PDB file of N, CA and C in Angstrom:
ATOM      1  N   MET A   1      21.599  26.536 -30.815  1.00  0.00           N
ATOM      2  CA  MET A   1      20.430  26.822 -29.919  1.00  0.00           C
ATOM      3  C   MET A   1      19.988  25.513 -29.146  1.00  0.00           C
ATOM      4  N   ARG A   2      19.747  25.854 -27.877  1.00  0.00           N
ATOM      5  CA  ARG A   2      19.331  24.474 -27.121  1.00  0.00           C
ATOM      6  C   ARG A   2      17.928  24.270 -27.231  1.00  0.00           C
ATOM      7  N   LYS A   3      17.627  22.797 -27.349  1.00  0.00           N
ATOM      8  CA  LYS A   3      16.196  22.446 -27.585  1.00  0.00           C
ATOM      9  C   LYS A   3      15.480  22.492 -26.277  1.00  0.00           C
ATOM     10  N   PHE A   4      14.170  22.644 -26.352  1.00  0.00           N
ATOM     11  CA  PHE A   4      13.355  22.798 -25.211  1.00  0.00           C
ATOM     12  C   PHE A   4      13.060  21.312 -24.745  1.00  0.00           C
ATOM     13  N   ASP A   5      13.273  21.189 -23.316  1.00  0.00           N
ATOM     14  CA  ASP A   5      13.081  19.824 -22.813  1.00  0.00           C
ATOM     15  C   ASP A   5      11.780  19.760 -21.997  1.00  0.00           C
ATOM     16  N   PRO A   6      10.698  19.056 -22.330  1.00  0.00           N
ATOM     17  CA  PRO A   6       9.334  19.215 -21.805  1.00  0.00           C
ATOM     18  C   PRO A   6       9.314  18.403 -20.511  1.00  0.00           C
ATOM     19  N   TRP A   7      10.348  17.477 -20.300  1.00  0.00           N
ATOM     20  CA  TRP A   7      10.053  16.533 -19.089  1.00  0.00           C
ATOM     21  C   TRP A   7       9.995  17.235 -17.740  1.00  0.00           C
ATOM     22  N   PRO A   8      10.915  18.340 -17.539  1.00  0.00           N
ATOM     23  CA  PRO A   8      10.721  18.972 -16.157  1.00  0.00           C
ATOM     24  C   PRO A   8       9.354  19.714 -16.097  1.00  0.00           C
ATOM     25  N   VAL A   9       8.858  20.187 -16.986  1.00  0.00           N
ATOM     26  CA  VAL A   9       7.517  20.717 -17.086  1.00  0.00           C
ATOM     27  C   VAL A   9       6.411  19.695 -16.682  1.00  0.00           C
ATOM     28  N   PHE A  10       6.516  18.559 -17.405  1.00  0.00           N
ATOM     29  CA  PHE A  10       5.549  17.494 -17.299  1.00  0.00           C
ATOM     30  C   PHE A  10       5.509  16.949 -15.835  1.00  0.00           C
ATOM     31  N   PHE A  11       6.749  16.761 -15.301  1.00  0.00           N
ATOM     32  CA  PHE A  11       6.957  16.180 -13.911  1.00  0.00           C
ATOM     33  C   PHE A  11       6.411  17.191 -12.888  1.00  0.00           C
ATOM     34  N   ARG A  12       6.701  18.265 -13.075  1.00  0.00           N
ATOM     35  CA  ARG A  12       6.102  19.406 -12.100  1.00  0.00           C
ATOM     36  C   ARG A  12       4.687  19.424 -12.106  1.00  0.00           C
ATOM     37  N   ARG A  13       4.089  19.469 -13.336  1.00  0.00           N
ATOM     38  CA  ARG A  13       2.733  19.552 -13.468  1.00  0.00           C
ATOM     39  C   ARG A  13       2.017  18.200 -12.760  1.00  0.00           C
ATOM     40  N   GLU A  14       2.546  17.137 -13.169  1.00  0.00           N
ATOM     41  CA  GLU A  14       2.069  15.820 -12.571  1.00  0.00           C
ATOM     42  C   GLU A  14       2.243  15.713 -11.057  1.00  0.00           C
ATOM     43  N   TRP A  15       3.314  16.218 -10.483  1.00  0.00           N
ATOM     44  CA  TRP A  15       3.568  16.159  -9.059  1.00  0.00           C
ATOM     45  C   TRP A  15       2.453  16.999  -8.395  1.00  0.00           C
ATOM     46  N   ASN A  16       2.146  18.319  -8.971  1.00  0.00           N
ATOM     47  CA  ASN A  16       1.089  19.098  -8.427  1.00  0.00           C
ATOM     48  C   ASN A  16      -0.377  18.455  -8.422  1.00  0.00           C
ATOM     49  N   ARG A  17      -0.500  17.689  -9.457  1.00  0.00           N
ATOM     50  CA  ARG A  17      -1.821  16.942  -9.511  1.00  0.00           C
ATOM     51  C   ARG A  17      -1.928  15.734  -8.677  1.00  0.00           C
ATOM     52  N   ASN A  18      -0.772  15.013  -8.514  1.00  0.00           N
ATOM     53  CA  ASN A  18      -0.781  13.610  -7.982  1.00  0.00           C
ATOM     54  C   ASN A  18      -0.291  13.516  -6.516  1.00  0.00           C
ATOM     55  N   TRP A  19       0.221  14.557  -6.045  1.00  0.00           N
ATOM     56  CA  TRP A  19       0.929  14.492  -4.657  1.00  0.00           C
ATOM     57  C   TRP A  19      -0.139  14.022  -3.578  1.00  0.00           C
ATOM     58  N   PRO A  20      -1.409  14.472  -3.635  1.00  0.00           N
ATOM     59  CA  PRO A  20      -2.283  13.901  -2.595  1.00  0.00           C
ATOM     60  C   PRO A  20      -2.521  12.534  -2.637  1.00  0.00           C
ATOM     61  N   PHE A  21      -2.650  11.920  -3.795  1.00  0.00           N
ATOM     62  CA  PHE A  21      -2.742  10.486  -4.013  1.00  0.00           C
ATOM     63  C   PHE A  21      -1.431   9.816  -3.487  1.00  0.00           C
ATOM     64  N   LEU A  22      -0.383  10.218  -3.849  1.00  0.00           N
ATOM     65  CA  LEU A  22       0.894   9.488  -3.386  1.00  0.00           C
ATOM     66  C   LEU A  22       1.080   9.684  -1.879  1.00  0.00           C
ATOM     67  N   VAL A  23       0.860  10.754  -1.236  1.00  0.00           N
ATOM     68  CA  VAL A  23       1.042  10.848   0.241  1.00  0.00           C
ATOM     69  C   VAL A  23      -0.150   9.999   0.847  1.00  0.00           C
ATOM     70  N   GLY A  24      -1.312  10.031   0.386  1.00  0.00           N
ATOM     71  CA  GLY A  24      -2.362   9.175   1.011  1.00  0.00           C
ATOM     72  C   GLY A  24      -2.060   7.723   0.737  1.00  0.00           C
ATOM     73  N   PHE A  25      -1.407   7.341  -0.301  1.00  0.00           N
ATOM     74  CA  PHE A  25      -1.153   5.940  -0.443  1.00  0.00           C
ATOM     75  C   PHE A  25       0.075   5.555   0.406  1.00  0.00           C
ATOM     76  N   ALA A  26       0.928   6.358   0.737  1.00  0.00           N
ATOM     77  CA  ALA A  26       2.102   6.077   1.494  1.00  0.00           C
ATOM     78  C   ALA A  26       1.555   6.099   3.108  1.00  0.00           C
ATOM     79  N   ILE A  27       0.726   6.955   3.386  1.00  0.00           N
ATOM     80  CA  ILE A  27       0.227   6.903   4.807  1.00  0.00           C
ATOM     81  C   ILE A  27      -0.607   5.704   5.107  1.00  0.00           C
ATOM     82  N   THR A  28      -1.441   5.268   4.099  1.00  0.00           N
ATOM     83  CA  THR A  28      -2.384   4.013   4.073  1.00  0.00           C
ATOM     84  C   THR A  28      -1.444   2.862   4.169  1.00  0.00           C
ATOM     85  N   GLY A  29      -0.376   2.703   3.440  1.00  0.00           N
ATOM     86  CA  GLY A  29       0.588   1.638   3.465  1.00  0.00           C
ATOM     87  C   GLY A  29       1.290   1.503   4.902  1.00  0.00           C
ATOM     88  N   ALA A  30       1.703   2.700   5.331  1.00  0.00           N
ATOM     89  CA  ALA A  30       2.332   2.519   6.705  1.00  0.00           C
ATOM     90  C   ALA A  30       1.357   2.045   7.737  1.00  0.00           C
ATOM     91  N   VAL A  31       0.168   2.534   7.854  1.00  0.00           N
ATOM     92  CA  VAL A  31      -0.924   2.048   8.703  1.00  0.00           C
ATOM     93  C   VAL A  31      -1.163   0.666   8.675  1.00  0.00           C
ATOM     94  N   ILE A  32      -1.377   0.133   7.425  1.00  0.00           N
ATOM     95  CA  ILE A  32      -1.525  -1.232   7.155  1.00  0.00           C
ATOM     96  C   ILE A  32      -0.351  -2.167   7.686  1.00  0.00           C
ATOM     97  N   THR A  33       0.895  -1.699   7.334  1.00  0.00           N
ATOM     98  CA  THR A  33       2.047  -2.325   7.699  1.00  0.00           C
ATOM     99  C   THR A  33       2.076  -2.501   9.232  1.00  0.00           C
ATOM    100  N   LYS A  34       1.860  -1.235   9.906  1.00  0.00           N
ATOM    101  CA  LYS A  34       2.038  -1.198  11.383  1.00  0.00           C
ATOM    102  C   LYS A  34       1.112  -2.089  12.055  1.00  0.00           C
ATOM    103  N   MET A  35      -0.214  -2.189  11.581  1.00  0.00           N
ATOM    104  CA  MET A  35      -1.168  -3.005  12.048  1.00  0.00           C
ATOM    105  C   MET A  35      -0.973  -4.479  11.874  1.00  0.00           C
ATOM    106  N   THR A  36      -0.371  -4.950  10.639  1.00  0.00           N
ATOM    107  CA  THR A  36      -0.259  -6.218  10.393  1.00  0.00           C
ATOM    108  C   THR A  36       1.026  -6.778  11.117  1.00  0.00           C
ATOM    109  N   LEU A  37       1.997  -5.919  11.395  1.00  0.00           N
ATOM    110  CA  LEU A  37       3.259  -6.317  12.200  1.00  0.00           C
ATOM    111  C   LEU A  37       2.864  -6.414  13.573  1.00  0.00           C
ATOM    112  N   GLY A  38       1.833  -5.822  14.079  1.00  0.00           N
ATOM    113  CA  GLY A  38       1.408  -5.931  15.347  1.00  0.00           C
ATOM    114  C   GLY A  38       0.567  -7.213  15.746  1.00  0.00           C
ATOM    115  N   LEU A  39       0.222  -7.952  14.791  1.00  0.00           N
ATOM    116  CA  LEU A  39      -0.568  -9.184  15.098  1.00  0.00           C
ATOM    117  C   LEU A  39       0.333 -10.255  15.634  1.00  0.00           C
ATOM    118  N   THR A  40      -0.341 -10.956  16.493  1.00  0.00           N
ATOM    119  CA  THR A  40       0.411 -12.200  17.204  1.00  0.00           C
ATOM    120  C   THR A  40      -0.183 -13.459  16.762  1.00  0.00           C
ATOM    121  N   GLU A  41       0.411 -14.633  17.204  1.00  0.00           N
ATOM    122  CA  GLU A  41      -0.080 -15.926  16.851  1.00  0.00           C
ATOM    123  C   GLU A  41      -1.496 -16.019  17.596  1.00  0.00           C
ATOM    124  N   GLU A  42      -1.682 -15.409  18.744  1.00  0.00           N
ATOM    125  CA  GLU A  42      -2.960 -15.557  19.335  1.00  0.00           C
ATOM    126  C   GLU A  42      -4.061 -14.838  18.524  1.00  0.00           C
ATOM    127  N   ASP A  43      -3.731 -13.674  17.974  1.00  0.00           N
ATOM    128  CA  ASP A  43      -4.777 -12.975  17.183  1.00  0.00           C
ATOM    129  C   ASP A  43      -5.026 -13.690  15.914  1.00  0.00           C
ATOM    130  N   MET A  44      -4.005 -14.475  15.329  1.00  0.00           N
ATOM    131  CA  MET A  44      -4.304 -15.221  14.149  1.00  0.00           C
ATOM    132  C   MET A  44      -5.247 -16.383  14.473  1.00  0.00           C
ATOM    133  N   LYS A  45      -5.025 -17.027  15.665  1.00  0.00           N
ATOM    134  CA  LYS A  45      -5.924 -18.232  16.087  1.00  0.00           C
ATOM    135  C   LYS A  45      -7.216 -17.703  16.326  1.00  0.00           C
ATOM    136  N   LYS A  46      -7.455 -16.564  16.755  1.00  0.00           N
ATOM    137  CA  LYS A  46      -8.920 -16.022  17.051  1.00  0.00           C
ATOM    138  C   LYS A  46      -9.565 -15.514  15.839  1.00  0.00           C
ATOM    139  N   SER A  47      -8.827 -15.206  14.765  1.00  0.00           N
ATOM    140  CA  SER A  47      -9.446 -14.672  13.597  1.00  0.00           C
ATOM    141  C   SER A  47     -10.320 -15.525  12.765  1.00  0.00           C
ATOM    142  N   PRO A  48     -11.608 -15.288  12.601  1.00  0.00           N
ATOM    143  CA  PRO A  48     -12.408 -16.154  11.582  1.00  0.00           C
ATOM    144  C   PRO A  48     -11.859 -16.210  10.252  1.00  0.00           C
ATOM    145  N   TYR A  49     -11.293 -15.046   9.816  1.00  0.00           N
ATOM    146  CA  TYR A  49     -10.760 -15.075   8.390  1.00  0.00           C
ATOM    147  C   TYR A  49      -9.567 -16.027   8.293  1.00  0.00           C
ATOM    148  N   ALA A  50      -8.629 -15.890   9.133  1.00  0.00           N
ATOM    149  CA  ALA A  50      -7.563 -16.810   9.186  1.00  0.00           C
ATOM    150  C   ALA A  50      -7.842 -18.125   9.319  1.00  0.00           C
ATOM    151  N   GLN A  51      -8.948 -18.523  10.132  1.00  0.00           N
ATOM    152  CA  GLN A  51      -9.357 -19.912  10.327  1.00  0.00           C
ATOM    153  C   GLN A  51      -9.882 -20.485   8.994  1.00  0.00           C
ATOM    154  N   GLU A  52     -10.707 -19.611   8.293  1.00  0.00           N
ATOM    155  CA  GLU A  52     -11.263 -20.057   7.057  1.00  0.00           C
ATOM    156  C   GLU A  52     -10.178 -20.308   5.985  1.00  0.00           C
ATOM    157  N   LEU A  53      -9.241 -19.442   6.049  1.00  0.00           N
ATOM    158  CA  LEU A  53      -8.105 -19.469   5.125  1.00  0.00           C
ATOM    159  C   LEU A  53      -7.402 -20.717   5.369  1.00  0.00           C
ATOM    160  N   ALA A  54      -7.090 -21.064   6.457  1.00  0.00           N
ATOM    161  CA  ALA A  54      -6.339 -22.370   6.932  1.00  0.00           C
ATOM    162  C   ALA A  54      -7.101 -23.610   6.361  1.00  0.00           C
ATOM    163  N   ARG A  55      -8.450 -23.425   6.574  1.00  0.00           N
ATOM    164  CA  ARG A  55      -9.363 -24.549   6.055  1.00  0.00           C
ATOM    165  C   ARG A  55      -9.301 -24.773   4.633  1.00  0.00           C
ATOM    166  N   MET A  56      -9.216 -23.656   4.043  1.00  0.00           N
ATOM    167  CA  MET A  56      -9.346 -23.625   2.474  1.00  0.00           C
ATOM    168  C   MET A  56      -7.927 -24.300   1.891  1.00  0.00           C
ATOM    169  N   LYS A  57      -6.783 -23.893   2.551  1.00  0.00           N
ATOM    170  CA  LYS A  57      -5.545 -24.471   2.268  1.00  0.00           C
ATOM    171  C   LYS A  57      -5.405 -25.915   2.556  1.00  0.00           C
ATOM    172  N   GLN A  58      -6.015 -26.413   3.521  1.00  0.00           N
ATOM    173  CA  GLN A  58      -5.971 -27.896   3.836  1.00  0.00           C
ATOM    174  C   GLN A  58      -6.781 -28.723   2.777  1.00  0.00           C
ATOM    175  N   LYS A  59      -7.794 -28.196   2.254  1.00  0.00           N
ATOM    176  CA  LYS A  59      -8.691 -28.760   1.260  1.00  0.00           C
ATOM    177  C   LYS A  59      -7.972 -28.997  -0.102  1.00  0.00           C
ATOM    178  N   LYS A  60      -6.914 -28.127  -0.288  1.00  0.00           N
ATOM    179  CA  LYS A  60      -6.270 -28.230  -1.559  1.00  0.00           C
ATOM    180  C   LYS A  60      -5.210 -29.319  -1.627  1.00  0.00           C
TER     181      LYS A  60
END
């Protein structure tokens, strides 16, 4: 007699519960990646955040 394998049931149930999170995470990651790859050196020089980060690194 074959034993019952619970893993396929578990994965199917978890996929049905978590697919919106996984898809949203993938879309968000793709958008952030696309935006950051589109930055240029000019954008970095104009950014107050990047300027503050550069100042903090120089102090160390």
